[in-house]
Amino acid sequence: MDEPTDRVLAFCLLLGIAGTIVGIWQCISGHNFAVAAQHEATTVGRIVGIYHGKGGPTWHYTFTVNEVRFDDYSGVCRTPLEPGACYNNGPVIVYYSFQPFQNSRLEDFSVASARDYRIGKPALAIGLPLFILTCVGIAILSRKDKDEDDPDSDFDPDSQKGASRSDDVPDSIHIAPNE
């Protein structure tokens, strides 16, 4: 293979791998949120802190279910019960579910599921075929390069029938009398 082809194939392979991984991750997350949405309940919780990081703010909140206090973190705060509650340690609606695992969010699970599927499906639909086609392209080009390096690959014994080289053994010997 030549160098520009190698670069293009490597780039496509990396895009395919990244798209496939992101797509699978988001689709699994979307599925888990869809299952949680079927079993969700709500309660009132309170924001106890905001952490600002590289990916944006994260809200730390607490809530109580059956006299058991929980605290959790969420990257979104879409359910304030008062104006500015997300930034002023106010009350919020907390969605929680114990199916398929214990989880809580400051947004509806069905909304989170739809968002993750909206990201995951196109990423998987682009990444997986790109990954597969790139692998097929690499296999074809490596096989082509191997055939070009093998000098005996052009020799077809059927097309050479009847012709012989000096080191070949003849197919048959005909001996005619008086010759």
N, C-alpha and C. Protein backbone atom coordinates (compact mmCIF):
# COMPACT_ATOMS: atom_id res chain seq x y z
N MET A 1 0.85 -1.18 0.00
CA MET A 1 0.00 0.00 0.00
C MET A 1 0.89 1.23 0.00
N ASP A 2 0.39 2.30 -0.54
CA ASP A 2 1.14 3.53 -0.54
C ASP A 2 0.75 4.37 0.68
N GLU A 3 1.57 5.34 0.97
CA GLU A 3 1.42 6.11 2.20
C GLU A 3 0.10 6.89 2.30
N PRO A 4 -0.38 7.59 1.27
CA PRO A 4 -1.67 8.28 1.39
C PRO A 4 -2.83 7.32 1.64
N THR A 5 -2.80 6.16 1.00
CA THR A 5 -3.86 5.17 1.22
C THR A 5 -3.81 4.67 2.66
N ASP A 6 -2.61 4.45 3.16
CA ASP A 6 -2.46 4.00 4.55
C ASP A 6 -3.06 5.02 5.52
N ARG A 7 -2.79 6.29 5.27
CA ARG A 7 -3.31 7.34 6.15
C ARG A 7 -4.84 7.41 6.12
N VAL A 8 -5.39 7.33 4.92
CA VAL A 8 -6.85 7.39 4.77
C VAL A 8 -7.49 6.19 5.47
N LEU A 9 -6.94 5.00 5.25
CA LEU A 9 -7.50 3.81 5.88
C LEU A 9 -7.36 3.87 7.40
N ALA A 10 -6.24 4.35 7.90
CA ALA A 10 -6.06 4.48 9.34
C ALA A 10 -7.06 5.47 9.93
N PHE A 11 -7.25 6.59 9.24
CA PHE A 11 -8.21 7.60 9.70
C PHE A 11 -9.64 7.03 9.71
N CYS A 12 -10.01 6.34 8.63
CA CYS A 12 -11.35 5.74 8.56
C CYS A 12 -11.53 4.66 9.61
N LEU A 13 -10.48 3.90 9.85
CA LEU A 13 -10.55 2.86 10.88
C LEU A 13 -10.76 3.48 12.26
N LEU A 14 -10.04 4.53 12.57
CA LEU A 14 -10.21 5.20 13.86
C LEU A 14 -11.61 5.81 13.99
N LEU A 15 -12.10 6.45 12.92
CA LEU A 15 -13.46 7.00 12.96
C LEU A 15 -14.49 5.89 13.15
N GLY A 16 -14.29 4.78 12.47
CA GLY A 16 -15.21 3.65 12.59
C GLY A 16 -15.22 3.08 13.99
N ILE A 17 -14.04 2.92 14.58
CA ILE A 17 -13.95 2.39 15.95
C ILE A 17 -14.60 3.37 16.92
N ALA A 18 -14.28 4.66 16.80
CA ALA A 18 -14.84 5.65 17.72
C ALA A 18 -16.36 5.73 17.58
N GLY A 19 -16.87 5.78 16.35
CA GLY A 19 -18.31 5.84 16.14
C GLY A 19 -19.02 4.61 16.68
N THR A 20 -18.42 3.45 16.49
CA THR A 20 -19.03 2.21 16.99
C THR A 20 -19.06 2.20 18.51
N ILE A 21 -17.98 2.59 19.14
CA ILE A 21 -17.93 2.59 20.61
C ILE A 21 -18.92 3.60 21.18
N VAL A 22 -18.92 4.81 20.65
CA VAL A 22 -19.86 5.84 21.14
C VAL A 22 -21.30 5.39 20.90
N GLY A 23 -21.57 4.85 19.72
CA GLY A 23 -22.92 4.41 19.40
C GLY A 23 -23.41 3.30 20.31
N ILE A 24 -22.56 2.31 20.54
CA ILE A 24 -22.94 1.21 21.44
C ILE A 24 -23.17 1.73 22.85
N TRP A 25 -22.27 2.58 23.33
CA TRP A 25 -22.39 3.12 24.69
C TRP A 25 -23.70 3.91 24.86
N GLN A 26 -23.99 4.78 23.91
CA GLN A 26 -25.19 5.60 23.99
C GLN A 26 -26.47 4.77 23.84
N CYS A 27 -26.45 3.77 22.98
CA CYS A 27 -27.64 2.92 22.82
C CYS A 27 -27.89 2.08 24.07
N ILE A 28 -26.84 1.59 24.70
CA ILE A 28 -27.02 0.85 25.96
C ILE A 28 -27.57 1.78 27.03
N SER A 29 -27.02 2.99 27.11
CA SER A 29 -27.52 3.97 28.08
C SER A 29 -28.97 4.32 27.80
N GLY A 30 -29.31 4.53 26.53
CA GLY A 30 -30.69 4.82 26.16
C GLY A 30 -31.64 3.69 26.52
N HIS A 31 -31.18 2.46 26.33
CA HIS A 31 -32.00 1.30 26.70
C HIS A 31 -32.22 1.25 28.22
N ASN A 32 -31.15 1.47 28.97
CA ASN A 32 -31.27 1.45 30.44
C ASN A 32 -32.22 2.54 30.93
N PHE A 33 -32.14 3.73 30.34
CA PHE A 33 -33.07 4.80 30.72
C PHE A 33 -34.49 4.47 30.31
N ALA A 34 -34.68 3.78 29.18
CA ALA A 34 -36.03 3.39 28.75
C ALA A 34 -36.64 2.40 29.73
N VAL A 35 -35.83 1.46 30.21
CA VAL A 35 -36.31 0.50 31.22
C VAL A 35 -36.63 1.24 32.52
N ALA A 36 -35.75 2.16 32.92
CA ALA A 36 -35.98 2.94 34.14
C ALA A 36 -37.25 3.78 34.03
N ALA A 37 -37.54 4.30 32.83
CA ALA A 37 -38.73 5.13 32.63
C ALA A 37 -40.01 4.33 32.88
N GLN A 38 -39.97 3.04 32.63
CA GLN A 38 -41.14 2.20 32.87
C GLN A 38 -41.40 1.99 34.36
N HIS A 39 -40.39 2.20 35.19
CA HIS A 39 -40.50 1.95 36.63
C HIS A 39 -40.22 3.19 37.46
N GLU A 40 -40.25 4.37 36.84
CA GLU A 40 -39.83 5.57 37.55
C GLU A 40 -40.89 6.08 38.52
N ALA A 41 -40.41 6.78 39.51
CA ALA A 41 -41.25 7.50 40.46
C ALA A 41 -40.58 8.85 40.70
N THR A 42 -41.30 9.76 41.31
CA THR A 42 -40.72 11.08 41.57
C THR A 42 -40.85 11.42 43.04
N THR A 43 -40.00 12.31 43.46
CA THR A 43 -40.04 12.86 44.81
C THR A 43 -39.40 14.24 44.75
N VAL A 44 -39.52 14.97 45.83
CA VAL A 44 -38.91 16.30 45.89
C VAL A 44 -37.55 16.15 46.56
N GLY A 45 -36.55 16.74 45.94
CA GLY A 45 -35.20 16.73 46.49
C GLY A 45 -34.69 18.16 46.60
N ARG A 46 -33.45 18.30 47.03
CA ARG A 46 -32.85 19.62 47.21
C ARG A 46 -31.42 19.60 46.68
N ILE A 47 -31.10 20.66 45.94
CA ILE A 47 -29.72 20.84 45.46
C ILE A 47 -28.86 21.21 46.67
N VAL A 48 -27.72 20.52 46.83
CA VAL A 48 -26.83 20.83 47.95
C VAL A 48 -25.48 21.37 47.48
N GLY A 49 -25.23 21.33 46.18
CA GLY A 49 -23.97 21.87 45.68
C GLY A 49 -23.88 21.77 44.17
N ILE A 50 -23.05 22.63 43.63
CA ILE A 50 -22.79 22.61 42.19
C ILE A 50 -21.28 22.52 42.02
N TYR A 51 -20.86 21.60 41.16
CA TYR A 51 -19.45 21.43 40.87
C TYR A 51 -19.23 21.79 39.42
N HIS A 52 -18.29 22.70 39.19
CA HIS A 52 -17.98 23.14 37.83
C HIS A 52 -16.72 22.42 37.38
N GLY A 53 -16.86 21.69 36.29
CA GLY A 53 -15.72 20.94 35.77
C GLY A 53 -15.58 21.11 34.28
N LYS A 54 -14.77 20.26 33.71
CA LYS A 54 -14.47 20.34 32.28
C LYS A 54 -15.71 20.13 31.42
N GLY A 55 -16.60 19.23 31.81
CA GLY A 55 -17.80 18.94 31.02
C GLY A 55 -18.98 19.82 31.34
N GLY A 56 -18.80 20.82 32.16
CA GLY A 56 -19.90 21.68 32.56
C GLY A 56 -20.27 21.44 34.01
N PRO A 57 -21.33 22.08 34.47
CA PRO A 57 -21.69 21.92 35.88
C PRO A 57 -22.31 20.55 36.16
N THR A 58 -22.11 20.10 37.40
CA THR A 58 -22.72 18.88 37.91
C THR A 58 -23.42 19.25 39.21
N TRP A 59 -24.70 18.87 39.31
CA TRP A 59 -25.48 19.20 40.49
C TRP A 59 -25.48 18.04 41.47
N HIS A 60 -25.16 18.36 42.72
CA HIS A 60 -25.21 17.39 43.81
C HIS A 60 -26.54 17.63 44.53
N TYR A 61 -27.34 16.58 44.69
CA TYR A 61 -28.66 16.74 45.30
C TYR A 61 -28.95 15.58 46.23
N THR A 62 -29.89 15.83 47.14
CA THR A 62 -30.33 14.79 48.07
C THR A 62 -31.84 14.65 47.97
N PHE A 63 -32.32 13.45 48.29
CA PHE A 63 -33.76 13.19 48.32
C PHE A 63 -34.02 12.00 49.25
N THR A 64 -35.26 11.85 49.65
CA THR A 64 -35.64 10.79 50.58
C THR A 64 -36.74 9.93 49.96
N VAL A 65 -36.56 8.61 50.06
CA VAL A 65 -37.56 7.64 49.60
C VAL A 65 -37.76 6.63 50.72
N ASN A 66 -39.01 6.50 51.21
CA ASN A 66 -39.33 5.57 52.29
C ASN A 66 -38.41 5.76 53.50
N GLU A 67 -38.20 7.01 53.87
CA GLU A 67 -37.39 7.43 55.01
C GLU A 67 -35.91 7.05 54.87
N VAL A 68 -35.48 6.75 53.65
CA VAL A 68 -34.07 6.49 53.37
C VAL A 68 -33.54 7.67 52.56
N ARG A 69 -32.47 8.27 53.06
CA ARG A 69 -31.92 9.44 52.39
C ARG A 69 -30.88 9.01 51.35
N PHE A 70 -31.01 9.58 50.15
CA PHE A 70 -30.07 9.31 49.06
C PHE A 70 -29.42 10.63 48.66
N ASP A 71 -28.20 10.53 48.17
CA ASP A 71 -27.61 11.69 47.51
C ASP A 71 -26.98 11.21 46.21
N ASP A 72 -27.03 12.08 45.23
CA ASP A 72 -26.58 11.69 43.89
C ASP A 72 -26.11 12.93 43.15
N TYR A 73 -25.62 12.71 41.96
CA TYR A 73 -25.12 13.79 41.10
C TYR A 73 -25.81 13.68 39.74
N SER A 74 -26.01 14.82 39.09
CA SER A 74 -26.60 14.84 37.77
C SER A 74 -25.93 15.92 36.94
N GLY A 75 -25.72 15.61 35.67
CA GLY A 75 -25.13 16.57 34.75
C GLY A 75 -26.15 17.55 34.20
N VAL A 76 -27.44 17.32 34.49
CA VAL A 76 -28.50 18.22 34.05
C VAL A 76 -29.38 18.55 35.23
N CYS A 77 -29.97 19.72 35.19
CA CYS A 77 -30.95 20.11 36.20
C CYS A 77 -32.11 20.76 35.45
N ARG A 78 -33.10 19.94 35.12
CA ARG A 78 -34.22 20.42 34.31
C ARG A 78 -35.54 20.42 35.06
N THR A 79 -35.50 20.18 36.36
CA THR A 79 -36.76 20.05 37.10
C THR A 79 -36.82 20.95 38.34
N PRO A 80 -36.43 22.22 38.24
CA PRO A 80 -36.52 23.08 39.42
C PRO A 80 -37.98 23.37 39.78
N LEU A 81 -38.26 23.44 41.07
CA LEU A 81 -39.61 23.77 41.54
C LEU A 81 -39.78 25.26 41.79
N GLU A 82 -38.69 25.98 41.82
CA GLU A 82 -38.70 27.44 41.99
C GLU A 82 -37.75 28.04 40.95
N PRO A 83 -37.97 29.26 40.54
CA PRO A 83 -37.03 29.89 39.62
C PRO A 83 -35.63 29.98 40.24
N GLY A 84 -34.63 29.54 39.51
CA GLY A 84 -33.25 29.60 40.00
C GLY A 84 -32.91 28.54 41.02
N ALA A 85 -33.76 27.55 41.22
CA ALA A 85 -33.52 26.54 42.24
C ALA A 85 -32.26 25.72 41.96
N CYS A 86 -31.95 25.53 40.71
CA CYS A 86 -30.77 24.73 40.37
C CYS A 86 -29.48 25.42 40.81
N TYR A 87 -29.46 26.75 40.80
CA TYR A 87 -28.24 27.48 41.15
C TYR A 87 -28.26 28.07 42.56
N ASN A 88 -29.40 27.96 43.26
CA ASN A 88 -29.52 28.56 44.60
C ASN A 88 -29.89 27.53 45.66
N ASN A 89 -29.47 26.28 45.46
CA ASN A 89 -29.74 25.19 46.42
C ASN A 89 -31.23 25.08 46.77
N GLY A 90 -32.06 25.11 45.74
CA GLY A 90 -33.50 25.05 45.94
C GLY A 90 -34.06 23.66 45.72
N PRO A 91 -35.38 23.55 45.83
CA PRO A 91 -36.04 22.25 45.65
C PRO A 91 -36.17 21.88 44.16
N VAL A 92 -36.05 20.59 43.89
CA VAL A 92 -36.15 20.07 42.53
C VAL A 92 -36.95 18.76 42.55
N ILE A 93 -37.51 18.42 41.40
CA ILE A 93 -38.15 17.11 41.27
C ILE A 93 -37.07 16.11 40.88
N VAL A 94 -37.03 15.01 41.62
CA VAL A 94 -36.06 13.95 41.36
C VAL A 94 -36.81 12.74 40.81
N TYR A 95 -36.36 12.26 39.66
CA TYR A 95 -36.88 11.02 39.08
C TYR A 95 -35.95 9.90 39.54
N TYR A 96 -36.53 8.83 40.09
CA TYR A 96 -35.70 7.72 40.52
C TYR A 96 -36.34 6.40 40.10
N SER A 97 -35.50 5.41 39.99
CA SER A 97 -35.93 4.07 39.62
C SER A 97 -34.92 3.08 40.16
N PHE A 98 -35.39 1.90 40.48
CA PHE A 98 -34.49 0.84 40.94
C PHE A 98 -34.37 -0.26 39.88
N GLN A 99 -34.89 -0.01 38.68
CA GLN A 99 -34.80 -0.96 37.56
C GLN A 99 -34.15 -0.27 36.37
N PRO A 100 -33.25 -0.78 35.63
CA PRO A 100 -32.56 -2.05 35.79
C PRO A 100 -31.51 -2.00 36.89
N PHE A 101 -31.22 -0.81 37.41
CA PHE A 101 -30.34 -0.64 38.58
C PHE A 101 -30.75 0.66 39.25
N GLN A 102 -30.24 0.89 40.44
CA GLN A 102 -30.60 2.10 41.19
C GLN A 102 -30.07 3.33 40.45
N ASN A 103 -30.99 4.26 40.17
CA ASN A 103 -30.62 5.42 39.38
C ASN A 103 -31.55 6.57 39.72
N SER A 104 -31.03 7.77 39.68
CA SER A 104 -31.86 8.96 39.84
C SER A 104 -31.31 10.05 38.94
N ARG A 105 -32.20 10.96 38.55
CA ARG A 105 -31.83 12.05 37.65
C ARG A 105 -32.68 13.27 37.96
N LEU A 106 -32.22 14.39 37.49
CA LEU A 106 -33.00 15.63 37.59
C LEU A 106 -33.67 15.93 36.26
N GLU A 107 -34.04 14.89 35.55
CA GLU A 107 -34.84 14.97 34.33
C GLU A 107 -35.55 13.63 34.18
N ASP A 108 -36.60 13.62 33.40
CA ASP A 108 -37.37 12.41 33.15
C ASP A 108 -36.50 11.37 32.44
N PHE A 109 -36.61 10.11 32.85
CA PHE A 109 -35.82 9.05 32.23
C PHE A 109 -36.15 8.88 30.74
N SER A 110 -37.40 9.10 30.37
CA SER A 110 -37.75 8.95 28.96
C SER A 110 -37.08 10.03 28.11
N VAL A 111 -36.91 11.22 28.65
CA VAL A 111 -36.20 12.28 27.93
C VAL A 111 -34.73 11.93 27.79
N ALA A 112 -34.14 11.40 28.86
CA ALA A 112 -32.74 10.99 28.82
C ALA A 112 -32.55 9.84 27.83
N SER A 113 -33.50 8.91 27.80
CA SER A 113 -33.43 7.78 26.86
C SER A 113 -33.49 8.28 25.42
N ALA A 114 -34.42 9.16 25.13
CA ALA A 114 -34.56 9.69 23.76
C ALA A 114 -33.29 10.42 23.33
N ARG A 115 -32.70 11.20 24.24
CA ARG A 115 -31.47 11.94 23.91
C ARG A 115 -30.32 10.97 23.62
N ASP A 116 -30.16 9.93 24.45
CA ASP A 116 -29.07 8.99 24.24
C ASP A 116 -29.25 8.19 22.95
N TYR A 117 -30.48 7.78 22.66
CA TYR A 117 -30.74 7.09 21.40
C TYR A 117 -30.51 8.01 20.20
N ARG A 118 -30.86 9.30 20.35
CA ARG A 118 -30.68 10.26 19.26
C ARG A 118 -29.19 10.43 18.93
N ILE A 119 -28.34 10.26 19.91
CA ILE A 119 -26.89 10.33 19.68
C ILE A 119 -26.36 8.97 19.23
N GLY A 120 -26.81 7.91 19.88
CA GLY A 120 -26.24 6.58 19.66
C GLY A 120 -26.57 5.95 18.33
N LYS A 121 -27.81 6.08 17.89
CA LYS A 121 -28.20 5.42 16.64
C LYS A 121 -27.42 5.93 15.43
N PRO A 122 -27.33 7.24 15.21
CA PRO A 122 -26.54 7.70 14.05
C PRO A 122 -25.04 7.37 14.19
N ALA A 123 -24.52 7.48 15.40
CA ALA A 123 -23.10 7.15 15.60
C ALA A 123 -22.83 5.69 15.25
N LEU A 124 -23.71 4.81 15.68
CA LEU A 124 -23.56 3.40 15.36
C LEU A 124 -23.83 3.12 13.89
N ALA A 125 -24.81 3.81 13.31
CA ALA A 125 -25.14 3.61 11.90
C ALA A 125 -24.01 4.09 10.97
N ILE A 126 -23.22 5.03 11.41
CA ILE A 126 -22.08 5.49 10.61
C ILE A 126 -20.81 4.73 10.98
N GLY A 127 -20.57 4.57 12.26
CA GLY A 127 -19.33 3.97 12.72
C GLY A 127 -19.16 2.51 12.37
N LEU A 128 -20.18 1.69 12.56
CA LEU A 128 -20.05 0.26 12.32
C LEU A 128 -19.81 -0.06 10.84
N PRO A 129 -20.60 0.48 9.90
CA PRO A 129 -20.28 0.21 8.49
C PRO A 129 -18.91 0.75 8.08
N LEU A 130 -18.53 1.91 8.59
CA LEU A 130 -17.22 2.47 8.27
C LEU A 130 -16.12 1.54 8.78
N PHE A 131 -16.28 1.02 9.97
CA PHE A 131 -15.31 0.09 10.55
C PHE A 131 -15.22 -1.19 9.70
N ILE A 132 -16.37 -1.76 9.35
CA ILE A 132 -16.39 -3.00 8.57
C ILE A 132 -15.80 -2.78 7.18
N LEU A 133 -16.23 -1.72 6.50
CA LEU A 133 -15.71 -1.46 5.15
C LEU A 133 -14.21 -1.17 5.15
N THR A 134 -13.73 -0.49 6.16
CA THR A 134 -12.29 -0.22 6.25
C THR A 134 -11.52 -1.51 6.47
N CYS A 135 -12.04 -2.38 7.33
CA CYS A 135 -11.37 -3.68 7.56
C CYS A 135 -11.34 -4.49 6.27
N VAL A 136 -12.43 -4.49 5.51
CA VAL A 136 -12.47 -5.20 4.23
C VAL A 136 -11.46 -4.57 3.26
N GLY A 137 -11.41 -3.26 3.21
CA GLY A 137 -10.45 -2.57 2.33
C GLY A 137 -9.02 -2.89 2.69
N ILE A 138 -8.72 -2.93 3.96
CA ILE A 138 -7.36 -3.27 4.40
C ILE A 138 -7.02 -4.70 4.00
N ALA A 139 -7.98 -5.61 4.19
CA ALA A 139 -7.74 -7.01 3.82
C ALA A 139 -7.50 -7.15 2.32
N ILE A 140 -8.30 -6.48 1.52
CA ILE A 140 -8.15 -6.57 0.06
C ILE A 140 -6.81 -5.98 -0.38
N LEU A 141 -6.46 -4.82 0.15
CA LEU A 141 -5.20 -4.19 -0.25
C LEU A 141 -3.98 -4.98 0.23
N SER A 142 -4.06 -5.57 1.40
CA SER A 142 -2.92 -6.36 1.87
C SER A 142 -2.78 -7.63 1.05
N ARG A 143 -3.88 -8.21 0.62
CA ARG A 143 -3.84 -9.39 -0.24
C ARG A 143 -3.27 -9.02 -1.62
N LYS A 144 -3.67 -7.85 -2.12
CA LYS A 144 -3.17 -7.38 -3.42
C LYS A 144 -1.67 -7.16 -3.35
N ASP A 145 -1.20 -6.54 -2.26
CA ASP A 145 0.23 -6.31 -2.09
C ASP A 145 0.99 -7.63 -1.98
N LYS A 146 0.42 -8.60 -1.34
CA LYS A 146 1.07 -9.91 -1.19
C LYS A 146 1.19 -10.58 -2.56
N ASP A 147 0.14 -10.49 -3.38
CA ASP A 147 0.17 -11.08 -4.72
C ASP A 147 1.21 -10.40 -5.60
N GLU A 148 1.39 -9.10 -5.47
CA GLU A 148 2.38 -8.38 -6.27
C GLU A 148 3.80 -8.75 -5.86
N ASP A 149 4.01 -9.10 -4.59
CA ASP A 149 5.33 -9.47 -4.11
C ASP A 149 5.71 -10.90 -4.50
N ASP A 150 4.76 -11.75 -4.85
CA ASP A 150 4.99 -13.16 -5.17
C ASP A 150 5.18 -13.30 -6.68
N PRO A 151 6.41 -13.62 -7.17
CA PRO A 151 6.63 -13.69 -8.62
C PRO A 151 5.93 -14.89 -9.26
N ASP A 152 5.66 -15.95 -8.54
CA ASP A 152 5.00 -17.12 -9.10
C ASP A 152 3.50 -16.99 -9.15
N SER A 153 2.96 -15.87 -8.67
CA SER A 153 1.51 -15.73 -8.65
C SER A 153 0.92 -15.58 -10.04
N ASP A 154 1.73 -15.13 -11.03
CA ASP A 154 1.23 -14.96 -12.38
C ASP A 154 1.25 -16.26 -13.18
N PHE A 155 1.95 -17.28 -12.70
CA PHE A 155 2.07 -18.55 -13.42
C PHE A 155 0.78 -19.33 -13.31
N ASP A 156 0.17 -19.60 -14.44
CA ASP A 156 -1.05 -20.39 -14.50
C ASP A 156 -0.72 -21.67 -15.26
N PRO A 157 -0.67 -22.81 -14.59
CA PRO A 157 -0.26 -24.03 -15.27
C PRO A 157 -1.20 -24.44 -16.39
N ASP A 158 -2.48 -24.10 -16.34
CA ASP A 158 -3.41 -24.49 -17.39
C ASP A 158 -3.15 -23.72 -18.68
N SER A 159 -2.74 -22.47 -18.57
CA SER A 159 -2.49 -21.68 -19.78
C SER A 159 -1.18 -22.08 -20.43
N GLN A 160 -0.33 -22.77 -19.74
CA GLN A 160 0.97 -23.17 -20.25
C GLN A 160 0.98 -24.62 -20.74
N LYS A 161 -0.17 -25.23 -20.96
CA LYS A 161 -0.26 -26.64 -21.33
C LYS A 161 0.45 -26.86 -22.67
N GLY A 162 1.29 -27.87 -22.68
CA GLY A 162 2.01 -28.22 -23.91
C GLY A 162 3.33 -27.48 -24.03
N ALA A 163 3.46 -26.34 -23.44
CA ALA A 163 4.73 -25.61 -23.48
C ALA A 163 5.56 -26.09 -22.33
N SER A 164 6.84 -26.15 -22.53
CA SER A 164 7.69 -26.60 -21.45
C SER A 164 8.92 -25.72 -21.37
N ARG A 165 9.42 -25.61 -20.19
CA ARG A 165 10.67 -24.92 -19.96
C ARG A 165 11.75 -25.98 -19.83
N SER A 166 12.97 -25.58 -19.83
CA SER A 166 14.06 -26.55 -19.83
C SER A 166 14.08 -27.39 -18.56
N ASP A 167 13.59 -26.85 -17.45
CA ASP A 167 13.63 -27.61 -16.21
C ASP A 167 12.34 -28.38 -15.95
N ASP A 168 11.36 -28.30 -16.85
CA ASP A 168 10.11 -29.03 -16.70
C ASP A 168 10.27 -30.46 -17.20
N VAL A 169 9.53 -31.34 -16.61
CA VAL A 169 9.47 -32.72 -17.08
C VAL A 169 8.36 -32.78 -18.10
N PRO A 170 8.59 -33.37 -19.27
CA PRO A 170 7.53 -33.42 -20.27
C PRO A 170 6.36 -34.28 -19.81
N ASP A 171 5.15 -33.96 -20.33
CA ASP A 171 3.96 -34.70 -19.97
C ASP A 171 4.04 -36.15 -20.44
N SER A 172 4.54 -36.37 -21.63
CA SER A 172 4.69 -37.74 -22.14
C SER A 172 5.83 -37.77 -23.14
N ILE A 173 6.36 -38.96 -23.32
CA ILE A 173 7.46 -39.13 -24.29
C ILE A 173 6.93 -39.99 -25.43
N HIS A 174 7.07 -39.52 -26.63
CA HIS A 174 6.66 -40.26 -27.81
C HIS A 174 7.91 -40.74 -28.54
N ILE A 175 8.00 -42.01 -28.70
CA ILE A 175 9.12 -42.56 -29.44
C ILE A 175 8.57 -43.14 -30.74
N ALA A 176 9.06 -42.64 -31.80
CA ALA A 176 8.62 -43.12 -33.11
C ALA A 176 9.73 -43.96 -33.74
N PRO A 177 9.37 -45.08 -34.35
CA PRO A 177 10.42 -45.88 -34.99
C PRO A 177 11.04 -45.14 -36.16
N ASN A 178 12.28 -45.45 -36.45
CA ASN A 178 13.07 -44.88 -37.53
C ASN A 178 13.36 -43.39 -37.32
N GLU A 179 13.38 -42.96 -36.17
CA GLU A 179 13.76 -41.56 -35.95
C GLU A 179 15.04 -41.51 -35.19
